[in-house]
Amino acid sequence: MGGVYVLLIWVERKRKIRIGKLGPVEFARGFYFYVGRALNGLEKRINRHFRKSKRNFWHIDYLLEYSEILGIIYSLTSQGKIECKTALYLGKRFGSVRNFGSSDCRCPSHLMFKTI
């Protein structure tokens, strides 16, 4: 079954990370919210995010090397538009990392943050 999910991520200290084709991105210490989807195999996708040894493919893979997943919220759905609606909703309430995780849509970002 497919679905949409939000990863709650903790970045312990400020650091610059090379994020694939985005290049170097500076991350402040704080909480991050990543919105993603899996059209098929939601459980498999979420489990992949927890694996430490994997080939970096998505933007989030690069960030997860230097951070910790604290929690996940997910919804089993076949409606992919919910991913973008969720990202836009969170983007209005928190800061966002421009173009992160949104290369296949028109959203400004799929990664939002609250610094501490």
PDB file of N, CA and C in Angstrom:
ATOM      1  N   MET A   1       0.844  -1.188   0.000  1.00  0.00           N
ATOM      2  CA  MET A   1       0.000   0.000   0.000  1.00  0.00           C
ATOM      3  C   MET A   1       0.882   1.242   0.000  1.00  0.00           C
ATOM      4  N   GLY A   2       0.460   2.245  -0.680  1.00  0.00           N
ATOM      5  CA  GLY A   2       1.190   3.498  -0.735  1.00  0.00           C
ATOM      6  C   GLY A   2       0.698   4.482   0.308  1.00  0.00           C
ATOM      7  N   GLY A   3       1.407   5.585   0.417  1.00  0.00           N
ATOM      8  CA  GLY A   3       1.003   6.590   1.376  1.00  0.00           C
ATOM      9  C   GLY A   3       1.926   7.789   1.406  1.00  0.00           C
ATOM     10  N   VAL A   4       1.599   8.680   2.319  1.00  0.00           N
ATOM     11  CA  VAL A   4       2.348   9.917   2.540  1.00  0.00           C
ATOM     12  C   VAL A   4       2.847   9.891   3.980  1.00  0.00           C
ATOM     13  N   TYR A   5       4.035  10.445   4.204  1.00  0.00           N
ATOM     14  CA  TYR A   5       4.595  10.430   5.548  1.00  0.00           C
ATOM     15  C   TYR A   5       5.337  11.731   5.841  1.00  0.00           C
ATOM     16  N   VAL A   6       5.487  12.005   7.131  1.00  0.00           N
ATOM     17  CA  VAL A   6       6.303  13.124   7.604  1.00  0.00           C
ATOM     18  C   VAL A   6       7.304  12.549   8.598  1.00  0.00           C
ATOM     19  N   LEU A   7       8.588  12.774   8.325  1.00  0.00           N
ATOM     20  CA  LEU A   7       9.639  12.380   9.261  1.00  0.00           C
ATOM     21  C   LEU A   7       9.953  13.565  10.162  1.00  0.00           C
ATOM     22  N   LEU A   8       9.990  13.341  11.465  1.00  0.00           N
ATOM     23  CA  LEU A   8      10.455  14.350  12.411  1.00  0.00           C
ATOM     24  C   LEU A   8      11.925  14.045  12.663  1.00  0.00           C
ATOM     25  N   ILE A   9      12.789  15.004  12.338  1.00  0.00           N
ATOM     26  CA  ILE A   9      14.241  14.798  12.339  1.00  0.00           C
ATOM     27  C   ILE A   9      14.906  15.805  13.275  1.00  0.00           C
ATOM     28  N   TRP A  10      15.924  15.360  13.989  1.00  0.00           N
ATOM     29  CA  TRP A  10      16.707  16.229  14.868  1.00  0.00           C
ATOM     30  C   TRP A  10      18.116  16.377  14.304  1.00  0.00           C
ATOM     31  N   VAL A  11      18.546  17.625  14.152  1.00  0.00           N
ATOM     32  CA  VAL A  11      19.929  17.935  13.770  1.00  0.00           C
ATOM     33  C   VAL A  11      20.584  18.537  15.005  1.00  0.00           C
ATOM     34  N   GLU A  12      21.586  17.859  15.531  1.00  0.00           N
ATOM     35  CA  GLU A  12      22.202  18.225  16.807  1.00  0.00           C
ATOM     36  C   GLU A  12      23.008  19.521  16.746  1.00  0.00           C
ATOM     37  N   ARG A  13      23.736  19.714  15.656  1.00  0.00           N
ATOM     38  CA  ARG A  13      24.560  20.930  15.578  1.00  0.00           C
ATOM     39  C   ARG A  13      24.562  21.482  14.155  1.00  0.00           C
ATOM     40  N   LYS A  14      24.876  22.750  14.052  1.00  0.00           N
ATOM     41  CA  LYS A  14      24.940  23.419  12.750  1.00  0.00           C
ATOM     42  C   LYS A  14      26.016  22.754  11.900  1.00  0.00           C
ATOM     43  N   ARG A  15      25.669  22.511  10.629  1.00  0.00           N
ATOM     44  CA  ARG A  15      26.654  21.916   9.730  1.00  0.00           C
ATOM     45  C   ARG A  15      26.248  22.142   8.287  1.00  0.00           C
ATOM     46  N   LYS A  16      27.240  22.104   7.420  1.00  0.00           N
ATOM     47  CA  LYS A  16      27.010  22.213   5.984  1.00  0.00           C
ATOM     48  C   LYS A  16      27.129  20.806   5.400  1.00  0.00           C
ATOM     49  N   ILE A  17      26.114  20.408   4.614  1.00  0.00           N
ATOM     50  CA  ILE A  17      26.068  19.067   4.033  1.00  0.00           C
ATOM     51  C   ILE A  17      25.855  19.197   2.532  1.00  0.00           C
ATOM     52  N   ARG A  18      26.602  18.422   1.776  1.00  0.00           N
ATOM     53  CA  ARG A  18      26.392  18.395   0.326  1.00  0.00           C
ATOM     54  C   ARG A  18      25.184  17.506   0.045  1.00  0.00           C
ATOM     55  N   ILE A  19      24.153  18.089  -0.552  1.00  0.00           N
ATOM     56  CA  ILE A  19      22.891  17.399  -0.829  1.00  0.00           C
ATOM     57  C   ILE A  19      22.781  17.161  -2.331  1.00  0.00           C
ATOM     58  N   GLY A  20      23.337  16.070  -2.808  1.00  0.00           N
ATOM     59  CA  GLY A  20      23.236  15.698  -4.217  1.00  0.00           C
ATOM     60  C   GLY A  20      23.450  16.870  -5.153  1.00  0.00           C
ATOM     61  N   LYS A  21      22.540  17.030  -6.120  1.00  0.00           N
ATOM     62  CA  LYS A  21      22.644  18.104  -7.109  1.00  0.00           C
ATOM     63  C   LYS A  21      22.306  19.481  -6.542  1.00  0.00           C
ATOM     64  N   LEU A  22      21.716  19.535  -5.343  1.00  0.00           N
ATOM     65  CA  LEU A  22      21.468  20.840  -4.706  1.00  0.00           C
ATOM     66  C   LEU A  22      22.778  21.495  -4.297  1.00  0.00           C
ATOM     67  N   GLY A  23      23.779  20.670  -4.028  1.00  0.00           N
ATOM     68  CA  GLY A  23      25.066  21.191  -3.587  1.00  0.00           C
ATOM     69  C   GLY A  23      25.096  21.379  -2.082  1.00  0.00           C
ATOM     70  N   PRO A  24      26.039  22.196  -1.577  1.00  0.00           N
ATOM     71  CA  PRO A  24      26.170  22.401  -0.136  1.00  0.00           C
ATOM     72  C   PRO A  24      24.973  23.175   0.424  1.00  0.00           C
ATOM     73  N   VAL A  25      24.423  22.656   1.512  1.00  0.00           N
ATOM     74  CA  VAL A  25      23.296  23.301   2.193  1.00  0.00           C
ATOM     75  C   VAL A  25      23.652  23.393   3.667  1.00  0.00           C
ATOM     76  N   GLU A  26      23.433  24.560   4.264  1.00  0.00           N
ATOM     77  CA  GLU A  26      23.712  24.727   5.682  1.00  0.00           C
ATOM     78  C   GLU A  26      22.459  24.425   6.491  1.00  0.00           C
ATOM     79  N   PHE A  27      22.623  23.567   7.496  1.00  0.00           N
ATOM     80  CA  PHE A  27      21.527  23.183   8.380  1.00  0.00           C
ATOM     81  C   PHE A  27      21.830  23.695   9.777  1.00  0.00           C
ATOM     82  N   ALA A  28      20.883  24.393  10.368  1.00  0.00           N
ATOM     83  CA  ALA A  28      21.014  24.879  11.734  1.00  0.00           C
ATOM     84  C   ALA A  28      20.604  23.768  12.698  1.00  0.00           C
ATOM     85  N   ARG A  29      20.997  23.905  13.943  1.00  0.00           N
ATOM     86  CA  ARG A  29      20.561  22.966  14.981  1.00  0.00           C
ATOM     87  C   ARG A  29      19.054  23.118  15.146  1.00  0.00           C
ATOM     88  N   GLY A  30      18.339  22.008  15.186  1.00  0.00           N
ATOM     89  CA  GLY A  30      16.904  22.097  15.406  1.00  0.00           C
ATOM     90  C   GLY A  30      16.132  20.915  14.865  1.00  0.00           C
ATOM     91  N   PHE A  31      14.819  21.109  14.810  1.00  0.00           N
ATOM     92  CA  PHE A  31      13.893  20.084  14.336  1.00  0.00           C
ATOM     93  C   PHE A  31      13.565  20.318  12.869  1.00  0.00           C
ATOM     94  N   TYR A  32      13.492  19.234  12.122  1.00  0.00           N
ATOM     95  CA  TYR A  32      13.165  19.295  10.693  1.00  0.00           C
ATOM     96  C   TYR A  32      12.003  18.353  10.423  1.00  0.00           C
ATOM     97  N   PHE A  33      11.174  18.735   9.460  1.00  0.00           N
ATOM     98  CA  PHE A  33      10.004  17.951   9.076  1.00  0.00           C
ATOM     99  C   PHE A  33      10.107  17.661   7.583  1.00  0.00           C
ATOM    100  N   TYR A  34      10.296  16.401   7.237  1.00  0.00           N
ATOM    101  CA  TYR A  34      10.412  16.021   5.830  1.00  0.00           C
ATOM    102  C   TYR A  34       9.133  15.331   5.379  1.00  0.00           C
ATOM    103  N   VAL A  35       8.535  15.827   4.302  1.00  0.00           N
ATOM    104  CA  VAL A  35       7.310  15.255   3.756  1.00  0.00           C
ATOM    105  C   VAL A  35       7.661  14.432   2.521  1.00  0.00           C
ATOM    106  N   GLY A  36       7.263  13.170   2.533  1.00  0.00           N
ATOM    107  CA  GLY A  36       7.551  12.287   1.409  1.00  0.00           C
ATOM    108  C   GLY A  36       6.369  11.399   1.087  1.00  0.00           C
ATOM    109  N   ARG A  37       6.528  10.609   0.032  1.00  0.00           N
ATOM    110  CA  ARG A  37       5.467   9.665  -0.340  1.00  0.00           C
ATOM    111  C   ARG A  37       6.095   8.417  -0.937  1.00  0.00           C
ATOM    112  N   ALA A  38       5.336   7.366  -0.879  1.00  0.00           N
ATOM    113  CA  ALA A  38       5.694   6.112  -1.535  1.00  0.00           C
ATOM    114  C   ALA A  38       4.423   5.619  -2.210  1.00  0.00           C
ATOM    115  N   LEU A  39       4.430   5.590  -3.524  1.00  0.00           N
ATOM    116  CA  LEU A  39       3.232   5.167  -4.248  1.00  0.00           C
ATOM    117  C   LEU A  39       2.899   3.709  -3.958  1.00  0.00           C
ATOM    118  N   ASN A  40       3.917   2.908  -3.766  1.00  0.00           N
ATOM    119  CA  ASN A  40       3.766   1.498  -3.373  1.00  0.00           C
ATOM    120  C   ASN A  40       4.822   1.211  -2.319  1.00  0.00           C
ATOM    121  N   GLY A  41       4.485   0.421  -1.333  1.00  0.00           N
ATOM    122  CA  GLY A  41       5.491   0.013  -0.358  1.00  0.00           C
ATOM    123  C   GLY A  41       5.883   1.089   0.633  1.00  0.00           C
ATOM    124  N   LEU A  42       4.908   1.683   1.300  1.00  0.00           N
ATOM    125  CA  LEU A  42       5.193   2.729   2.288  1.00  0.00           C
ATOM    126  C   LEU A  42       6.082   2.199   3.410  1.00  0.00           C
ATOM    127  N   GLU A  43       5.775   1.026   3.916  1.00  0.00           N
ATOM    128  CA  GLU A  43       6.568   0.459   5.006  1.00  0.00           C
ATOM    129  C   GLU A  43       8.026   0.271   4.581  1.00  0.00           C
ATOM    130  N   LYS A  44       8.236  -0.210   3.380  1.00  0.00           N
ATOM    131  CA  LYS A  44       9.594  -0.416   2.862  1.00  0.00           C
ATOM    132  C   LYS A  44      10.345   0.915   2.763  1.00  0.00           C
ATOM    133  N   ARG A  45       9.669   1.954   2.290  1.00  0.00           N
ATOM    134  CA  ARG A  45      10.304   3.274   2.168  1.00  0.00           C
ATOM    135  C   ARG A  45      10.702   3.814   3.541  1.00  0.00           C
ATOM    136  N   ILE A  46       9.785   3.731   4.491  1.00  0.00           N
ATOM    137  CA  ILE A  46      10.082   4.234   5.836  1.00  0.00           C
ATOM    138  C   ILE A  46      11.238   3.449   6.451  1.00  0.00           C
ATOM    139  N   ASN A  47      11.220   2.134   6.311  1.00  0.00           N
ATOM    140  CA  ASN A  47      12.324   1.317   6.838  1.00  0.00           C
ATOM    141  C   ASN A  47      13.652   1.698   6.201  1.00  0.00           C
ATOM    142  N   ARG A  48      13.639   2.045   4.933  1.00  0.00           N
ATOM    143  CA  ARG A  48      14.860   2.462   4.238  1.00  0.00           C
ATOM    144  C   ARG A  48      15.462   3.702   4.895  1.00  0.00           C
ATOM    145  N   HIS A  49      14.604   4.632   5.301  1.00  0.00           N
ATOM    146  CA  HIS A  49      15.098   5.859   5.931  1.00  0.00           C
ATOM    147  C   HIS A  49      15.865   5.564   7.221  1.00  0.00           C
ATOM    148  N   PHE A  50      15.526   4.483   7.907  1.00  0.00           N
ATOM    149  CA  PHE A  50      16.201   4.134   9.155  1.00  0.00           C
ATOM    150  C   PHE A  50      17.517   3.389   8.939  1.00  0.00           C
ATOM    151  N   ARG A  51      17.733   2.841   7.757  1.00  0.00           N
ATOM    152  CA  ARG A  51      18.977   2.112   7.484  1.00  0.00           C
ATOM    153  C   ARG A  51      20.159   3.080   7.426  1.00  0.00           C
ATOM    154  N   LYS A  52      21.246   2.696   8.048  1.00  0.00           N
ATOM    155  CA  LYS A  52      22.450   3.532   8.026  1.00  0.00           C
ATOM    156  C   LYS A  52      23.276   3.289   6.770  1.00  0.00           C
ATOM    157  N   SER A  53      23.294   2.055   6.278  1.00  0.00           N
ATOM    158  CA  SER A  53      24.080   1.778   5.072  1.00  0.00           C
ATOM    159  C   SER A  53      23.134   1.660   3.876  1.00  0.00           C
ATOM    160  N   LYS A  54      23.184   2.673   3.038  1.00  0.00           N
ATOM    161  CA  LYS A  54      22.375   2.705   1.817  1.00  0.00           C
ATOM    162  C   LYS A  54      23.024   3.685   0.855  1.00  0.00           C
ATOM    163  N   ARG A  55      22.719   3.520  -0.402  1.00  0.00           N
ATOM    164  CA  ARG A  55      23.211   4.460  -1.407  1.00  0.00           C
ATOM    165  C   ARG A  55      22.337   5.711  -1.342  1.00  0.00           C
ATOM    166  N   ASN A  56      22.970   6.864  -1.298  1.00  0.00           N
ATOM    167  CA  ASN A  56      22.207   8.111  -1.280  1.00  0.00           C
ATOM    168  C   ASN A  56      21.543   8.324  -2.628  1.00  0.00           C
ATOM    169  N   PHE A  57      20.237   8.454  -2.603  1.00  0.00           N
ATOM    170  CA  PHE A  57      19.448   8.613  -3.820  1.00  0.00           C
ATOM    171  C   PHE A  57      18.593   9.879  -3.749  1.00  0.00           C
ATOM    172  N   TRP A  58      17.813  10.008  -2.675  1.00  0.00           N
ATOM    173  CA  TRP A  58      16.965  11.181  -2.484  1.00  0.00           C
ATOM    174  C   TRP A  58      17.699  12.216  -1.635  1.00  0.00           C
ATOM    175  N   HIS A  59      17.259  13.466  -1.731  1.00  0.00           N
ATOM    176  CA  HIS A  59      17.862  14.533  -0.922  1.00  0.00           C
ATOM    177  C   HIS A  59      17.900  14.148   0.557  1.00  0.00           C
ATOM    178  N   ILE A  60      16.810  13.568   1.043  1.00  0.00           N
ATOM    179  CA  ILE A  60      16.724  13.240   2.467  1.00  0.00           C
ATOM    180  C   ILE A  60      17.798  12.246   2.898  1.00  0.00           C
ATOM    181  N   ASP A  61      18.255  11.390   1.998  1.00  0.00           N
ATOM    182  CA  ASP A  61      19.300  10.415   2.344  1.00  0.00           C
ATOM    183  C   ASP A  61      20.565  11.111   2.829  1.00  0.00           C
ATOM    184  N   TYR A  62      20.919  12.210   2.200  1.00  0.00           N
ATOM    185  CA  TYR A  62      22.135  12.946   2.569  1.00  0.00           C
ATOM    186  C   TYR A  62      22.001  13.554   3.962  1.00  0.00           C
ATOM    187  N   LEU A  63      20.839  14.126   4.261  1.00  0.00           N
ATOM    188  CA  LEU A  63      20.616  14.723   5.581  1.00  0.00           C
ATOM    189  C   LEU A  63      20.591  13.657   6.672  1.00  0.00           C
ATOM    190  N   LEU A  64      19.991  12.517   6.405  1.00  0.00           N
ATOM    191  CA  LEU A  64      19.855  11.481   7.433  1.00  0.00           C
ATOM    192  C   LEU A  64      21.190  10.890   7.869  1.00  0.00           C
ATOM    193  N   GLU A  65      22.237  11.071   7.074  1.00  0.00           N
ATOM    194  CA  GLU A  65      23.577  10.625   7.496  1.00  0.00           C
ATOM    195  C   GLU A  65      24.056  11.396   8.719  1.00  0.00           C
ATOM    196  N   TYR A  66      23.553  12.611   8.913  1.00  0.00           N
ATOM    197  CA  TYR A  66      24.046  13.510   9.956  1.00  0.00           C
ATOM    198  C   TYR A  66      22.951  13.919  10.933  1.00  0.00           C
ATOM    199  N   SER A  67      21.891  13.141  11.016  1.00  0.00           N
ATOM    200  CA  SER A  67      20.770  13.517  11.871  1.00  0.00           C
ATOM    201  C   SER A  67      20.103  12.269  12.435  1.00  0.00           C
ATOM    202  N   GLU A  68      19.056  12.481  13.211  1.00  0.00           N
ATOM    203  CA  GLU A  68      18.348  11.378  13.862  1.00  0.00           C
ATOM    204  C   GLU A  68      16.850  11.512  13.605  1.00  0.00           C
ATOM    205  N   ILE A  69      16.216  10.416  13.216  1.00  0.00           N
ATOM    206  CA  ILE A  69      14.759  10.417  13.064  1.00  0.00           C
ATOM    207  C   ILE A  69      14.147  10.213  14.444  1.00  0.00           C
ATOM    208  N   LEU A  70      13.302  11.164  14.855  1.00  0.00           N
ATOM    209  CA  LEU A  70      12.654  11.076  16.160  1.00  0.00           C
ATOM    210  C   LEU A  70      11.266  10.449  16.078  1.00  0.00           C
ATOM    211  N   GLY A  71      10.607  10.599  14.948  1.00  0.00           N
ATOM    212  CA  GLY A  71       9.258  10.062  14.820  1.00  0.00           C
ATOM    213  C   GLY A  71       8.747  10.149  13.398  1.00  0.00           C
ATOM    214  N   ILE A  72       7.621   9.484  13.170  1.00  0.00           N
ATOM    215  CA  ILE A  72       7.005   9.447  11.844  1.00  0.00           C
ATOM    216  C   ILE A  72       5.496   9.578  12.002  1.00  0.00           C
ATOM    217  N   ILE A  73       4.898  10.359  11.128  1.00  0.00           N
ATOM    218  CA  ILE A  73       3.447  10.418  10.983  1.00  0.00           C
ATOM    219  C   ILE A  73       3.172   9.971   9.557  1.00  0.00           C
ATOM    220  N   TYR A  74       2.205   9.083   9.373  1.00  0.00           N
ATOM    221  CA  TYR A  74       1.932   8.625   8.008  1.00  0.00           C
ATOM    222  C   TYR A  74       0.441   8.418   7.785  1.00  0.00           C
ATOM    223  N   SER A  75       0.083   8.378   6.523  1.00  0.00           N
ATOM    224  CA  SER A  75      -1.292   8.122   6.109  1.00  0.00           C
ATOM    225  C   SER A  75      -1.270   7.185   4.912  1.00  0.00           C
ATOM    226  N   LEU A  76      -2.011   6.108   5.001  1.00  0.00           N
ATOM    227  CA  LEU A  76      -2.137   5.189   3.873  1.00  0.00           C
ATOM    228  C   LEU A  76      -3.131   5.795   2.895  1.00  0.00           C
ATOM    229  N   THR A  77      -2.659   6.143   1.726  1.00  0.00           N
ATOM    230  CA  THR A  77      -3.508   6.786   0.731  1.00  0.00           C
ATOM    231  C   THR A  77      -2.915   6.593  -0.655  1.00  0.00           C
ATOM    232  N   SER A  78      -3.752   6.659  -1.635  1.00  0.00           N
ATOM    233  CA  SER A  78      -3.269   6.609  -3.021  1.00  0.00           C
ATOM    234  C   SER A  78      -3.280   7.999  -3.642  1.00  0.00           C
ATOM    235  N   GLN A  79      -3.642   9.002  -2.859  1.00  0.00           N
ATOM    236  CA  GLN A  79      -3.713  10.383  -3.350  1.00  0.00           C
ATOM    237  C   GLN A  79      -2.376  11.080  -3.132  1.00  0.00           C
ATOM    238  N   GLY A  80      -1.549  11.112  -4.163  1.00  0.00           N
ATOM    239  CA  GLY A  80      -0.226  11.723  -4.070  1.00  0.00           C
ATOM    240  C   GLY A  80      -0.248  13.212  -3.794  1.00  0.00           C
ATOM    241  N   LYS A  81      -1.353  13.888  -4.140  1.00  0.00           N
ATOM    242  CA  LYS A  81      -1.436  15.338  -3.933  1.00  0.00           C
ATOM    243  C   LYS A  81      -1.377  15.719  -2.455  1.00  0.00           C
ATOM    244  N   ILE A  82      -1.695  14.777  -1.580  1.00  0.00           N
ATOM    245  CA  ILE A  82      -1.652  15.060  -0.148  1.00  0.00           C
ATOM    246  C   ILE A  82      -0.230  15.393   0.284  1.00  0.00           C
ATOM    247  N   GLU A  83       0.761  14.803  -0.366  1.00  0.00           N
ATOM    248  CA  GLU A  83       2.164  15.103  -0.053  1.00  0.00           C
ATOM    249  C   GLU A  83       2.426  16.594  -0.220  1.00  0.00           C
ATOM    250  N   CYS A  84       2.059  17.152  -1.347  1.00  0.00           N
ATOM    251  CA  CYS A  84       2.310  18.570  -1.610  1.00  0.00           C
ATOM    252  C   CYS A  84       1.447  19.465  -0.729  1.00  0.00           C
ATOM    253  N   LYS A  85       0.208  19.077  -0.485  1.00  0.00           N
ATOM    254  CA  LYS A  85      -0.659  19.865   0.398  1.00  0.00           C
ATOM    255  C   LYS A  85      -0.076  19.926   1.806  1.00  0.00           C
ATOM    256  N   THR A  86       0.456  18.808   2.273  1.00  0.00           N
ATOM    257  CA  THR A  86       1.080  18.763   3.594  1.00  0.00           C
ATOM    258  C   THR A  86       2.335  19.629   3.626  1.00  0.00           C
ATOM    259  N   ALA A  87       3.164  19.532   2.596  1.00  0.00           N
ATOM    260  CA  ALA A  87       4.390  20.336   2.526  1.00  0.00           C
ATOM    261  C   ALA A  87       4.058  21.828   2.490  1.00  0.00           C
ATOM    262  N   LEU A  88       3.063  22.211   1.720  1.00  0.00           N
ATOM    263  CA  LEU A  88       2.669  23.626   1.647  1.00  0.00           C
ATOM    264  C   LEU A  88       2.109  24.111   2.980  1.00  0.00           C
ATOM    265  N   TYR A  89       1.333  23.283   3.649  1.00  0.00           N
ATOM    266  CA  TYR A  89       0.775  23.633   4.959  1.00  0.00           C
ATOM    267  C   TYR A  89       1.903  23.879   5.964  1.00  0.00           C
ATOM    268  N   LEU A  90       2.837  22.938   6.061  1.00  0.00           N
ATOM    269  CA  LEU A  90       3.953  23.095   6.996  1.00  0.00           C
ATOM    270  C   LEU A  90       4.850  24.265   6.600  1.00  0.00           C
ATOM    271  N   GLY A  91       5.018  24.476   5.301  1.00  0.00           N
ATOM    272  CA  GLY A  91       5.852  25.572   4.816  1.00  0.00           C
ATOM    273  C   GLY A  91       5.335  26.945   5.203  1.00  0.00           C
ATOM    274  N   LYS A  92       4.034  27.063   5.440  1.00  0.00           N
ATOM    275  CA  LYS A  92       3.454  28.342   5.876  1.00  0.00           C
ATOM    276  C   LYS A  92       3.688  28.588   7.359  1.00  0.00           C
ATOM    277  N   ARG A  93       4.036  27.552   8.093  1.00  0.00           N
ATOM    278  CA  ARG A  93       4.173  27.662   9.540  1.00  0.00           C
ATOM    279  C   ARG A  93       5.614  27.590  10.033  1.00  0.00           C
ATOM    280  N   PHE A  94       6.504  27.082   9.202  1.00  0.00           N
ATOM    281  CA  PHE A  94       7.897  26.913   9.595  1.00  0.00           C
ATOM    282  C   PHE A  94       8.805  27.403   8.475  1.00  0.00           C
ATOM    283  N   GLY A  95      10.091  27.539   8.783  1.00  0.00           N
ATOM    284  CA  GLY A  95      11.057  27.851   7.739  1.00  0.00           C
ATOM    285  C   GLY A  95      11.202  26.654   6.815  1.00  0.00           C
ATOM    286  N   SER A  96      11.756  26.860   5.633  1.00  0.00           N
ATOM    287  CA  SER A  96      11.942  25.736   4.712  1.00  0.00           C
ATOM    288  C   SER A  96      13.309  25.804   4.040  1.00  0.00           C
ATOM    289  N   VAL A  97      13.783  24.648   3.624  1.00  0.00           N
ATOM    290  CA  VAL A  97      15.044  24.534   2.896  1.00  0.00           C
ATOM    291  C   VAL A  97      14.679  24.493   1.415  1.00  0.00           C
ATOM    292  N   ARG A  98      14.950  25.574   0.735  1.00  0.00           N
ATOM    293  CA  ARG A  98      14.515  25.772  -0.651  1.00  0.00           C
ATOM    294  C   ARG A  98      14.908  24.610  -1.574  1.00  0.00           C
ATOM    295  N   ASN A  99      13.940  24.123  -2.332  1.00  0.00           N
ATOM    296  CA  ASN A  99      14.100  23.068  -3.347  1.00  0.00           C
ATOM    297  C   ASN A  99      14.440  21.685  -2.795  1.00  0.00           C
ATOM    298  N   PHE A 100      14.429  21.520  -1.495  1.00  0.00           N
ATOM    299  CA  PHE A 100      14.790  20.235  -0.896  1.00  0.00           C
ATOM    300  C   PHE A 100      13.629  19.257  -1.045  1.00  0.00           C
ATOM    301  N   GLY A 101      13.883  18.133  -1.700  1.00  0.00           N
ATOM    302  CA  GLY A 101      12.894  17.069  -1.816  1.00  0.00           C
ATOM    303  C   GLY A 101      11.730  17.350  -2.735  1.00  0.00           C
ATOM    304  N   SER A 102      11.814  18.426  -3.495  1.00  0.00           N
ATOM    305  CA  SER A 102      10.669  18.813  -4.335  1.00  0.00           C
ATOM    306  C   SER A 102      11.041  18.905  -5.811  1.00  0.00           C
ATOM    307  N   SER A 103      11.983  18.088  -6.239  1.00  0.00           N
ATOM    308  CA  SER A 103      12.422  18.162  -7.638  1.00  0.00           C
ATOM    309  C   SER A 103      11.401  17.579  -8.611  1.00  0.00           C
ATOM    310  N   ASP A 104      10.425  16.833  -8.101  1.00  0.00           N
ATOM    311  CA  ASP A 104       9.410  16.251  -8.993  1.00  0.00           C
ATOM    312  C   ASP A 104       8.048  16.942  -8.886  1.00  0.00           C
ATOM    313  N   CYS A 105       8.030  18.143  -8.282  1.00  0.00           N
ATOM    314  CA  CYS A 105       6.778  18.900  -8.173  1.00  0.00           C
ATOM    315  C   CYS A 105       7.106  20.398  -8.164  1.00  0.00           C
ATOM    316  N   ARG A 106       6.101  21.217  -7.969  1.00  0.00           N
ATOM    317  CA  ARG A 106       6.312  22.671  -7.981  1.00  0.00           C
ATOM    318  C   ARG A 106       6.384  23.286  -6.586  1.00  0.00           C
ATOM    319  N   CYS A 107       6.425  22.464  -5.566  1.00  0.00           N
ATOM    320  CA  CYS A 107       6.501  22.970  -4.196  1.00  0.00           C
ATOM    321  C   CYS A 107       7.848  23.661  -3.965  1.00  0.00           C
ATOM    322  N   PRO A 108       7.863  24.698  -3.119  1.00  0.00           N
ATOM    323  CA  PRO A 108       9.134  25.344  -2.790  1.00  0.00           C
ATOM    324  C   PRO A 108      10.088  24.402  -2.047  1.00  0.00           C
ATOM    325  N   SER A 109       9.517  23.486  -1.244  1.00  0.00           N
ATOM    326  CA  SER A 109      10.336  22.568  -0.457  1.00  0.00           C
ATOM    327  C   SER A 109       9.465  21.470   0.142  1.00  0.00           C
ATOM    328  N   HIS A 110      10.116  20.363   0.479  1.00  0.00           N
ATOM    329  CA  HIS A 110       9.451  19.319   1.252  1.00  0.00           C
ATOM    330  C   HIS A 110      10.182  19.112   2.575  1.00  0.00           C
ATOM    331  N   LEU A 111      11.060  20.074   2.938  1.00  0.00           N
ATOM    332  CA  LEU A 111      11.770  20.018   4.215  1.00  0.00           C
ATOM    333  C   LEU A 111      11.604  21.351   4.933  1.00  0.00           C
ATOM    334  N   MET A 112      10.942  21.312   6.072  1.00  0.00           N
ATOM    335  CA  MET A 112      10.735  22.496   6.888  1.00  0.00           C
ATOM    336  C   MET A 112      11.512  22.347   8.191  1.00  0.00           C
ATOM    337  N   PHE A 113      11.711  23.454   8.907  1.00  0.00           N
ATOM    338  CA  PHE A 113      12.502  23.382  10.131  1.00  0.00           C
ATOM    339  C   PHE A 113      12.046  24.387  11.173  1.00  0.00           C
ATOM    340  N   LYS A 114      12.422  24.080  12.411  1.00  0.00           N
ATOM    341  CA  LYS A 114      12.254  24.977  13.551  1.00  0.00           C
ATOM    342  C   LYS A 114      13.569  24.924  14.304  1.00  0.00           C
ATOM    343  N   THR A 115      14.329  26.018  14.252  1.00  0.00           N
ATOM    344  CA  THR A 115      15.634  26.040  14.918  1.00  0.00           C
ATOM    345  C   THR A 115      15.463  26.288  16.410  1.00  0.00           C
ATOM    346  N   ILE A 116      16.527  25.953  17.146  1.00  0.00           N
ATOM    347  CA  ILE A 116      16.504  26.127  18.605  1.00  0.00           C
ATOM    348  C   ILE A 116      17.605  27.081  19.007  1.00  0.00           C
TER     349      ILE A 116
END
